[in-house]
Each structure stands twice: as structure tokens, then as C-alpha cells.
Amino acid sequence: MPKALIHGFDLRLLYSHPYIAMGVNYNQTKTLELSSLETISMVRPETLTAFINVPIIKTPFSVAWSGKFAGPTAKKAHINTLVQRK
């Protein structure tokens, strides 16, 4: 891929306490392949990751859950098609 435009942002929220830790991370990415003016379809447009961690008292261990949720990867679309949708 000779030239591409990729931009996005991440938002992360964390909470920590001696009895629990939890967090959420949100990511949004937009892509454009400049020679063909098509989106780069292999990049996931949106992801949300969450976790909860609870320590087991008086041990060095903890119980945790983590999940990653992603929006569907869009098929390649030409920039004119994307502009007309808005």
C-alpha cells in the first residue's frame, strides 16, 4: 500500500481500589487508501475492551474477567460512496 491516511482516537477509563480494579477502553479508527480512495477494510472501525479484577484476600491471586467487543469490519467502500451516505 503506497500511501494511506489513518486516524483515530483512544479513550481509557480506569478505577483502582484495594478490593477491585476495573477499566474500559474505547478505540475508533478511520482509514483511507489514497491512491484508490477506498477504505482499508482490514482495520476494525470501533473496539471496546473492558476488564474487572478482584483480588482473593490473603493470597497473591485474583479473579478477573476481560472482554473485547468490536464493530464489524466494513467492506471496501469508495470515498464518494461514504460522502454520499452522510
PDB file of N, CA and C in Angstrom:
ATOM      1  N   MET A   1       0.855  -1.154   0.000  1.00  0.00           N
ATOM      2  CA  MET A   1       0.000   0.000   0.000  1.00  0.00           C
ATOM      3  C   MET A   1       0.915   1.236   0.000  1.00  0.00           C
ATOM      4  N   PRO A   2       0.958   1.977  -1.093  1.00  0.00           N
ATOM      5  CA  PRO A   2       1.895   3.092  -1.194  1.00  0.00           C
ATOM      6  C   PRO A   2       1.594   4.253  -0.245  1.00  0.00           C
ATOM      7  N   LYS A   3       0.344   4.714  -0.185  1.00  0.00           N
ATOM      8  CA  LYS A   3       0.003   5.851   0.680  1.00  0.00           C
ATOM      9  C   LYS A   3      -1.363   5.607   1.311  1.00  0.00           C
ATOM     10  N   ALA A   4      -1.446   5.937   2.588  1.00  0.00           N
ATOM     11  CA  ALA A   4      -2.712   5.760   3.295  1.00  0.00           C
ATOM     12  C   ALA A   4      -2.853   6.846   4.350  1.00  0.00           C
ATOM     13  N   LEU A   5      -4.095   7.142   4.662  1.00  0.00           N
ATOM     14  CA  LEU A   5      -4.421   8.083   5.726  1.00  0.00           C
ATOM     15  C   LEU A   5      -5.148   7.293   6.809  1.00  0.00           C
ATOM     16  N   ILE A   6      -4.580   7.284   8.007  1.00  0.00           N
ATOM     17  CA  ILE A   6      -5.169   6.556   9.129  1.00  0.00           C
ATOM     18  C   ILE A   6      -5.245   7.515  10.312  1.00  0.00           C
ATOM     19  N   HIS A   7      -6.424   7.664  10.871  1.00  0.00           N
ATOM     20  CA  HIS A   7      -6.558   8.499  12.063  1.00  0.00           C
ATOM     21  C   HIS A   7      -7.634   7.925  12.969  1.00  0.00           C
ATOM     22  N   GLY A   8      -7.533   8.253  14.240  1.00  0.00           N
ATOM     23  CA  GLY A   8      -8.495   7.749  15.199  1.00  0.00           C
ATOM     24  C   GLY A   8      -8.191   8.275  16.582  1.00  0.00           C
ATOM     25  N   PHE A   9      -8.863   7.696  17.575  1.00  0.00           N
ATOM     26  CA  PHE A   9      -8.608   8.106  18.950  1.00  0.00           C
ATOM     27  C   PHE A   9      -8.874   6.944  19.892  1.00  0.00           C
ATOM     28  N   ASP A  10      -8.279   7.035  21.072  1.00  0.00           N
ATOM     29  CA  ASP A  10      -8.480   6.077  22.160  1.00  0.00           C
ATOM     30  C   ASP A  10      -8.978   6.831  23.380  1.00  0.00           C
ATOM     31  N   LEU A  11      -9.882   6.215  24.095  1.00  0.00           N
ATOM     32  CA  LEU A  11     -10.376   6.759  25.355  1.00  0.00           C
ATOM     33  C   LEU A  11     -10.266   5.649  26.389  1.00  0.00           C
ATOM     34  N   ARG A  12      -9.616   5.938  27.506  1.00  0.00           N
ATOM     35  CA  ARG A  12      -9.396   4.911  28.519  1.00  0.00           C
ATOM     36  C   ARG A  12      -9.826   5.433  29.886  1.00  0.00           C
ATOM     37  N   LEU A  13     -10.626   4.639  30.588  1.00  0.00           N
ATOM     38  CA  LEU A  13     -11.064   4.957  31.948  1.00  0.00           C
ATOM     39  C   LEU A  13     -10.648   3.811  32.866  1.00  0.00           C
ATOM     40  N   LEU A  14      -9.977   4.143  33.959  1.00  0.00           N
ATOM     41  CA  LEU A  14      -9.528   3.136  34.917  1.00  0.00           C
ATOM     42  C   LEU A  14      -9.980   3.517  36.320  1.00  0.00           C
ATOM     43  N   TYR A  15     -10.317   2.506  37.113  1.00  0.00           N
ATOM     44  CA  TYR A  15     -10.637   2.699  38.523  1.00  0.00           C
ATOM     45  C   TYR A  15      -9.901   1.615  39.300  1.00  0.00           C
ATOM     46  N   SER A  16      -9.214   2.004  40.349  1.00  0.00           N
ATOM     47  CA  SER A  16      -8.456   1.042  41.143  1.00  0.00           C
ATOM     48  C   SER A  16      -8.691   1.294  42.629  1.00  0.00           C
ATOM     49  N   HIS A  17      -8.916   0.216  43.351  1.00  0.00           N
ATOM     50  CA  HIS A  17      -9.147   0.236  44.791  1.00  0.00           C
ATOM     51  C   HIS A  17      -8.506  -1.047  45.325  1.00  0.00           C
ATOM     52  N   PRO A  18      -8.139  -1.115  46.591  1.00  0.00           N
ATOM     53  CA  PRO A  18      -7.538  -2.359  47.099  1.00  0.00           C
ATOM     54  C   PRO A  18      -8.421  -3.601  46.917  1.00  0.00           C
ATOM     55  N   TYR A  19      -9.744  -3.424  46.825  1.00  0.00           N
ATOM     56  CA  TYR A  19     -10.644  -4.570  46.708  1.00  0.00           C
ATOM     57  C   TYR A  19     -11.112  -4.856  45.284  1.00  0.00           C
ATOM     58  N   ILE A  20     -10.905  -3.924  44.351  1.00  0.00           N
ATOM     59  CA  ILE A  20     -11.357  -4.133  42.966  1.00  0.00           C
ATOM     60  C   ILE A  20     -10.619  -3.169  42.030  1.00  0.00           C
ATOM     61  N   ALA A  21     -10.420  -3.629  40.829  1.00  0.00           N
ATOM     62  CA  ALA A  21      -9.885  -2.766  39.771  1.00  0.00           C
ATOM     63  C   ALA A  21     -10.730  -3.018  38.528  1.00  0.00           C
ATOM     64  N   MET A  22     -11.041  -1.959  37.797  1.00  0.00           N
ATOM     65  CA  MET A  22     -11.835  -2.121  36.577  1.00  0.00           C
ATOM     66  C   MET A  22     -11.460  -1.032  35.581  1.00  0.00           C
ATOM     67  N   GLY A  23     -11.746  -1.315  34.328  1.00  0.00           N
ATOM     68  CA  GLY A  23     -11.425  -0.335  33.306  1.00  0.00           C
ATOM     69  C   GLY A  23     -12.169  -0.595  32.012  1.00  0.00           C
ATOM     70  N   VAL A  24     -12.227   0.455  31.201  1.00  0.00           N
ATOM     71  CA  VAL A  24     -12.867   0.406  29.884  1.00  0.00           C
ATOM     72  C   VAL A  24     -11.971   1.170  28.916  1.00  0.00           C
ATOM     73  N   ASN A  25     -11.797   0.618  27.727  1.00  0.00           N
ATOM     74  CA  ASN A  25     -11.025   1.286  26.685  1.00  0.00           C
ATOM     75  C   ASN A  25     -11.853   1.291  25.400  1.00  0.00           C
ATOM     76  N   TYR A  26     -11.997   2.465  24.778  1.00  0.00           N
ATOM     77  CA  TYR A  26     -12.742   2.601  23.522  1.00  0.00           C
ATOM     78  C   TYR A  26     -11.789   3.126  22.455  1.00  0.00           C
ATOM     79  N   ASN A  27     -11.847   2.533  21.269  1.00  0.00           N
ATOM     80  CA  ASN A  27     -10.992   2.949  20.160  1.00  0.00           C
ATOM     81  C   ASN A  27     -11.836   3.102  18.907  1.00  0.00           C
ATOM     82  N   GLN A  28     -11.586   4.173  18.163  1.00  0.00           N
ATOM     83  CA  GLN A  28     -12.233   4.371  16.861  1.00  0.00           C
ATOM     84  C   GLN A  28     -11.146   4.739  15.854  1.00  0.00           C
ATOM     85  N   THR A  29     -11.136   4.046  14.716  1.00  0.00           N
ATOM     86  CA  THR A  29     -10.119   4.265  13.688  1.00  0.00           C
ATOM     87  C   THR A  29     -10.792   4.429  12.333  1.00  0.00           C
ATOM     88  N   LYS A  30     -10.348   5.415  11.576  1.00  0.00           N
ATOM     89  CA  LYS A  30     -10.830   5.631  10.205  1.00  0.00           C
ATOM     90  C   LYS A  30      -9.632   5.536   9.273  1.00  0.00           C
ATOM     91  N   THR A  31      -9.831   4.926   8.108  1.00  0.00           N
ATOM     92  CA  THR A  31      -8.732   4.704   7.170  1.00  0.00           C
ATOM     93  C   THR A  31      -9.136   5.106   5.757  1.00  0.00           C
ATOM     94  N   LEU A  32      -8.128   5.432   4.955  1.00  0.00           N
ATOM     95  CA  LEU A  32      -8.353   5.756   3.547  1.00  0.00           C
ATOM     96  C   LEU A  32      -7.082   5.453   2.774  1.00  0.00           C
ATOM     97  N   GLU A  33      -7.189   4.608   1.757  1.00  0.00           N
ATOM     98  CA  GLU A  33      -6.063   4.317   0.873  1.00  0.00           C
ATOM     99  C   GLU A  33      -6.076   5.400  -0.197  1.00  0.00           C
ATOM    100  N   LEU A  34      -5.033   6.234  -0.262  1.00  0.00           N
ATOM    101  CA  LEU A  34      -5.075   7.463  -1.048  1.00  0.00           C
ATOM    102  C   LEU A  34      -5.017   7.257  -2.558  1.00  0.00           C
ATOM    103  N   SER A  35      -4.412   6.183  -3.038  1.00  0.00           N
ATOM    104  CA  SER A  35      -4.337   6.017  -4.492  1.00  0.00           C
ATOM    105  C   SER A  35      -5.675   5.593  -5.088  1.00  0.00           C
ATOM    106  N   SER A  36      -6.447   4.769  -4.364  1.00  0.00           N
ATOM    107  CA  SER A  36      -7.743   4.311  -4.890  1.00  0.00           C
ATOM    108  C   SER A  36      -8.928   5.001  -4.216  1.00  0.00           C
ATOM    109  N   LEU A  37      -8.669   5.771  -3.158  1.00  0.00           N
ATOM    110  CA  LEU A  37      -9.717   6.436  -2.366  1.00  0.00           C
ATOM    111  C   LEU A  37     -10.731   5.443  -1.797  1.00  0.00           C
ATOM    112  N   GLU A  38     -10.247   4.272  -1.374  1.00  0.00           N
ATOM    113  CA  GLU A  38     -11.088   3.269  -0.738  1.00  0.00           C
ATOM    114  C   GLU A  38     -10.661   3.108   0.714  1.00  0.00           C
ATOM    115  N   THR A  39     -11.603   2.651   1.544  1.00  0.00           N
ATOM    116  CA  THR A  39     -11.258   2.367   2.931  1.00  0.00           C
ATOM    117  C   THR A  39     -10.375   1.129   2.980  1.00  0.00           C
ATOM    118  N   ILE A  40      -9.573   1.035   4.025  1.00  0.00           N
ATOM    119  CA  ILE A  40      -8.747  -0.153   4.241  1.00  0.00           C
ATOM    120  C   ILE A  40      -9.594  -1.104   5.073  1.00  0.00           C
ATOM    121  N   SER A  41     -10.097  -2.159   4.466  1.00  0.00           N
ATOM    122  CA  SER A  41     -11.129  -2.979   5.099  1.00  0.00           C
ATOM    123  C   SER A  41     -10.613  -3.846   6.236  1.00  0.00           C
ATOM    124  N   MET A  42      -9.314  -4.084   6.331  1.00  0.00           N
ATOM    125  CA  MET A  42      -8.832  -4.978   7.382  1.00  0.00           C
ATOM    126  C   MET A  42      -8.747  -4.294   8.751  1.00  0.00           C
ATOM    127  N   VAL A  43      -8.969  -2.992   8.823  1.00  0.00           N
ATOM    128  CA  VAL A  43      -8.901  -2.258  10.085  1.00  0.00           C
ATOM    129  C   VAL A  43     -10.287  -2.223  10.727  1.00  0.00           C
ATOM    130  N   ARG A  44     -10.377  -2.660  11.981  1.00  0.00           N
ATOM    131  CA  ARG A  44     -11.660  -2.622  12.692  1.00  0.00           C
ATOM    132  C   ARG A  44     -12.005  -1.174  13.029  1.00  0.00           C
ATOM    133  N   PRO A  45     -13.212  -0.719  12.703  1.00  0.00           N
ATOM    134  CA  PRO A  45     -13.556   0.689  12.915  1.00  0.00           C
ATOM    135  C   PRO A  45     -13.736   1.074  14.381  1.00  0.00           C
ATOM    136  N   GLU A  46     -14.282   0.181  15.201  1.00  0.00           N
ATOM    137  CA  GLU A  46     -14.533   0.501  16.608  1.00  0.00           C
ATOM    138  C   GLU A  46     -14.288  -0.733  17.472  1.00  0.00           C
ATOM    139  N   THR A  47     -13.645  -0.536  18.615  1.00  0.00           N
ATOM    140  CA  THR A  47     -13.490  -1.621  19.584  1.00  0.00           C
ATOM    141  C   THR A  47     -13.731  -1.081  20.989  1.00  0.00           C
ATOM    142  N   LEU A  48     -14.270  -1.941  21.833  1.00  0.00           N
ATOM    143  CA  LEU A  48     -14.488  -1.631  23.240  1.00  0.00           C
ATOM    144  C   LEU A  48     -13.914  -2.792  24.043  1.00  0.00           C
ATOM    145  N   THR A  49     -13.010  -2.493  24.968  1.00  0.00           N
ATOM    146  CA  THR A  49     -12.403  -3.505  25.822  1.00  0.00           C
ATOM    147  C   THR A  49     -12.727  -3.153  27.271  1.00  0.00           C
ATOM    148  N   ALA A  50     -13.122  -4.153  28.055  1.00  0.00           N
ATOM    149  CA  ALA A  50     -13.456  -3.925  29.460  1.00  0.00           C
ATOM    150  C   ALA A  50     -12.819  -5.017  30.315  1.00  0.00           C
ATOM    151  N   PHE A  51     -12.479  -4.670  31.566  1.00  0.00           N
ATOM    152  CA  PHE A  51     -11.944  -5.679  32.477  1.00  0.00           C
ATOM    153  C   PHE A  51     -12.369  -5.375  33.912  1.00  0.00           C
ATOM    154  N   ILE A  52     -12.437  -6.444  34.712  1.00  0.00           N
ATOM    155  CA  ILE A  52     -12.682  -6.358  36.153  1.00  0.00           C
ATOM    156  C   ILE A  52     -11.709  -7.323  36.815  1.00  0.00           C
ATOM    157  N   ASN A  53     -11.066  -6.875  37.880  1.00  0.00           N
ATOM    158  CA  ASN A  53     -10.085  -7.685  38.585  1.00  0.00           C
ATOM    159  C   ASN A  53     -10.374  -7.587  40.084  1.00  0.00           C
ATOM    160  N   VAL A  54     -10.597  -8.744  40.739  1.00  0.00           N
ATOM    161  CA  VAL A  54     -10.901  -8.783  42.170  1.00  0.00           C
ATOM    162  C   VAL A  54      -9.861  -9.668  42.855  1.00  0.00           C
ATOM    163  N   PRO A  55      -9.062  -9.101  43.757  1.00  0.00           N
ATOM    164  CA  PRO A  55      -8.063  -9.925  44.449  1.00  0.00           C
ATOM    165  C   PRO A  55      -8.712 -10.877  45.461  1.00  0.00           C
ATOM    166  N   ILE A  56      -8.103 -12.047  45.615  1.00  0.00           N
ATOM    167  CA  ILE A  56      -8.547 -13.008  46.628  1.00  0.00           C
ATOM    168  C   ILE A  56      -7.796 -12.671  47.918  1.00  0.00           C
ATOM    169  N   ILE A  57      -8.546 -12.397  48.961  1.00  0.00           N
ATOM    170  CA  ILE A  57      -7.967 -11.899  50.214  1.00  0.00           C
ATOM    171  C   ILE A  57      -6.939 -12.882  50.779  1.00  0.00           C
ATOM    172  N   LYS A  58      -5.829 -12.333  51.256  1.00  0.00           N
ATOM    173  CA  LYS A  58      -4.729 -13.054  51.909  1.00  0.00           C
ATOM    174  C   LYS A  58      -4.027 -14.039  50.987  1.00  0.00           C
ATOM    175  N   THR A  59      -4.117 -13.836  49.683  1.00  0.00           N
ATOM    176  CA  THR A  59      -3.371 -14.651  48.717  1.00  0.00           C
ATOM    177  C   THR A  59      -2.794 -13.711  47.661  1.00  0.00           C
ATOM    178  N   PRO A  60      -1.807 -14.191  46.913  1.00  0.00           N
ATOM    179  CA  PRO A  60      -1.280 -13.359  45.825  1.00  0.00           C
ATOM    180  C   PRO A  60      -2.098 -13.482  44.535  1.00  0.00           C
ATOM    181  N   PHE A  61      -3.269 -14.115  44.588  1.00  0.00           N
ATOM    182  CA  PHE A  61      -4.065 -14.391  43.396  1.00  0.00           C
ATOM    183  C   PHE A  61      -5.262 -13.448  43.287  1.00  0.00           C
ATOM    184  N   SER A  62      -5.840 -13.413  42.107  1.00  0.00           N
ATOM    185  CA  SER A  62      -7.051 -12.624  41.886  1.00  0.00           C
ATOM    186  C   SER A  62      -7.921 -13.320  40.852  1.00  0.00           C
ATOM    187  N   VAL A  63      -9.186 -12.948  40.836  1.00  0.00           N
ATOM    188  CA  VAL A  63     -10.142 -13.430  39.841  1.00  0.00           C
ATOM    189  C   VAL A  63     -10.411 -12.264  38.900  1.00  0.00           C
ATOM    190  N   ALA A  64     -10.374 -12.543  37.594  1.00  0.00           N
ATOM    191  CA  ALA A  64     -10.511 -11.446  36.631  1.00  0.00           C
ATOM    192  C   ALA A  64     -11.382 -11.861  35.454  1.00  0.00           C
ATOM    193  N   TRP A  65     -11.956 -10.852  34.818  1.00  0.00           N
ATOM    194  CA  TRP A  65     -12.711 -11.026  33.573  1.00  0.00           C
ATOM    195  C   TRP A  65     -12.268  -9.927  32.623  1.00  0.00           C
ATOM    196  N   SER A  66     -12.144 -10.296  31.351  1.00  0.00           N
ATOM    197  CA  SER A  66     -11.779  -9.325  30.322  1.00  0.00           C
ATOM    198  C   SER A  66     -12.576  -9.646  29.065  1.00  0.00           C
ATOM    199  N   GLY A  67     -13.070  -8.618  28.400  1.00  0.00           N
ATOM    200  CA  GLY A  67     -13.825  -8.819  27.167  1.00  0.00           C
ATOM    201  C   GLY A  67     -13.460  -7.772  26.139  1.00  0.00           C
ATOM    202  N   LYS A  68     -13.418  -8.193  24.881  1.00  0.00           N
ATOM    203  CA  LYS A  68     -13.152  -7.258  23.785  1.00  0.00           C
ATOM    204  C   LYS A  68     -14.295  -7.379  22.792  1.00  0.00           C
ATOM    205  N   PHE A  69     -14.908  -6.254  22.485  1.00  0.00           N
ATOM    206  CA  PHE A  69     -16.055  -6.213  21.590  1.00  0.00           C
ATOM    207  C   PHE A  69     -15.698  -5.299  20.428  1.00  0.00           C
ATOM    208  N   ALA A  70     -15.958  -5.752  19.210  1.00  0.00           N
ATOM    209  CA  ALA A  70     -15.555  -4.980  18.030  1.00  0.00           C
ATOM    210  C   ALA A  70     -16.718  -4.846  17.064  1.00  0.00           C
ATOM    211  N   GLY A  71     -16.778  -3.689  16.417  1.00  0.00           N
ATOM    212  CA  GLY A  71     -17.760  -3.471  15.364  1.00  0.00           C
ATOM    213  C   GLY A  71     -17.365  -4.279  14.138  1.00  0.00           C
ATOM    214  N   PRO A  72     -18.290  -4.543  13.255  1.00  0.00           N
ATOM    215  CA  PRO A  72     -17.963  -5.312  12.055  1.00  0.00           C
ATOM    216  C   PRO A  72     -16.995  -4.543  11.166  1.00  0.00           C
ATOM    217  N   THR A  73     -16.100  -5.286  10.528  1.00  0.00           N
ATOM    218  CA  THR A  73     -15.178  -4.676   9.579  1.00  0.00           C
ATOM    219  C   THR A  73     -15.940  -4.402   8.296  1.00  0.00           C
ATOM    220  N   ALA A  74     -15.959  -3.150   7.891  1.00  0.00           N
ATOM    221  CA  ALA A  74     -16.707  -2.759   6.698  1.00  0.00           C
ATOM    222  C   ALA A  74     -16.013  -3.277   5.443  1.00  0.00           C
ATOM    223  N   LYS A  75     -16.824  -3.614   4.443  1.00  0.00           N
ATOM    224  CA  LYS A  75     -16.258  -3.957   3.146  1.00  0.00           C
ATOM    225  C   LYS A  75     -15.664  -2.701   2.542  1.00  0.00           C
ATOM    226  N   LYS A  76     -14.760  -2.885   1.602  1.00  0.00           N
ATOM    227  CA  LYS A  76     -14.140  -1.719   0.973  1.00  0.00           C
ATOM    228  C   LYS A  76     -15.215  -0.820   0.375  1.00  0.00           C
ATOM    229  N   ALA A  77     -15.075   0.465   0.622  1.00  0.00           N
ATOM    230  CA  ALA A  77     -16.015   1.442   0.084  1.00  0.00           C
ATOM    231  C   ALA A  77     -15.223   2.589  -0.516  1.00  0.00           C
ATOM    232  N   HIS A  78     -15.703   3.120  -1.593  1.00  0.00           N
ATOM    233  CA  HIS A  78     -15.055   4.255  -2.243  1.00  0.00           C
ATOM    234  C   HIS A  78     -15.434   5.520  -1.492  1.00  0.00           C
ATOM    235  N   ILE A  79     -14.541   6.490  -1.438  1.00  0.00           N
ATOM    236  CA  ILE A  79     -14.771   7.720  -0.676  1.00  0.00           C
ATOM    237  C   ILE A  79     -16.041   8.444  -1.124  1.00  0.00           C
ATOM    238  N   ASN A  80     -16.377   8.423  -2.408  1.00  0.00           N
ATOM    239  CA  ASN A  80     -17.603   9.081  -2.882  1.00  0.00           C
ATOM    240  C   ASN A  80     -18.846   8.433  -2.274  1.00  0.00           C
ATOM    241  N   THR A  81     -18.825   7.110  -2.120  1.00  0.00           N
ATOM    242  CA  THR A  81     -19.945   6.409  -1.501  1.00  0.00           C
ATOM    243  C   THR A  81     -20.084   6.822  -0.042  1.00  0.00           C
ATOM    244  N   LEU A  82     -18.961   6.954   0.660  1.00  0.00           N
ATOM    245  CA  LEU A  82     -19.004   7.344   2.069  1.00  0.00           C
ATOM    246  C   LEU A  82     -19.516   8.762   2.237  1.00  0.00           C
ATOM    247  N   VAL A  83     -19.133   9.671   1.362  1.00  0.00           N
ATOM    248  CA  VAL A  83     -19.565  11.063   1.447  1.00  0.00           C
ATOM    249  C   VAL A  83     -21.057  11.171   1.158  1.00  0.00           C
ATOM    250  N   GLN A  84     -21.571  10.398   0.197  1.00  0.00           N
ATOM    251  CA  GLN A  84     -22.986  10.466  -0.164  1.00  0.00           C
ATOM    252  C   GLN A  84     -23.880   9.954   0.954  1.00  0.00           C
ATOM    253  N   ARG A  85     -23.385   9.023   1.794  1.00  0.00           N
ATOM    254  CA  ARG A  85     -24.189   8.474   2.883  1.00  0.00           C
ATOM    255  C   ARG A  85     -24.487   9.521   3.938  1.00  0.00           C
ATOM    256  N   LYS A  86     -23.598  10.470   4.151  1.00  0.00           N
ATOM    257  CA  LYS A  86     -23.759  11.470   5.214  1.00  0.00           C
ATOM    258  C   LYS A  86     -24.644  12.549   4.787  1.00  0.00           C
TER     259      LYS A  86
END
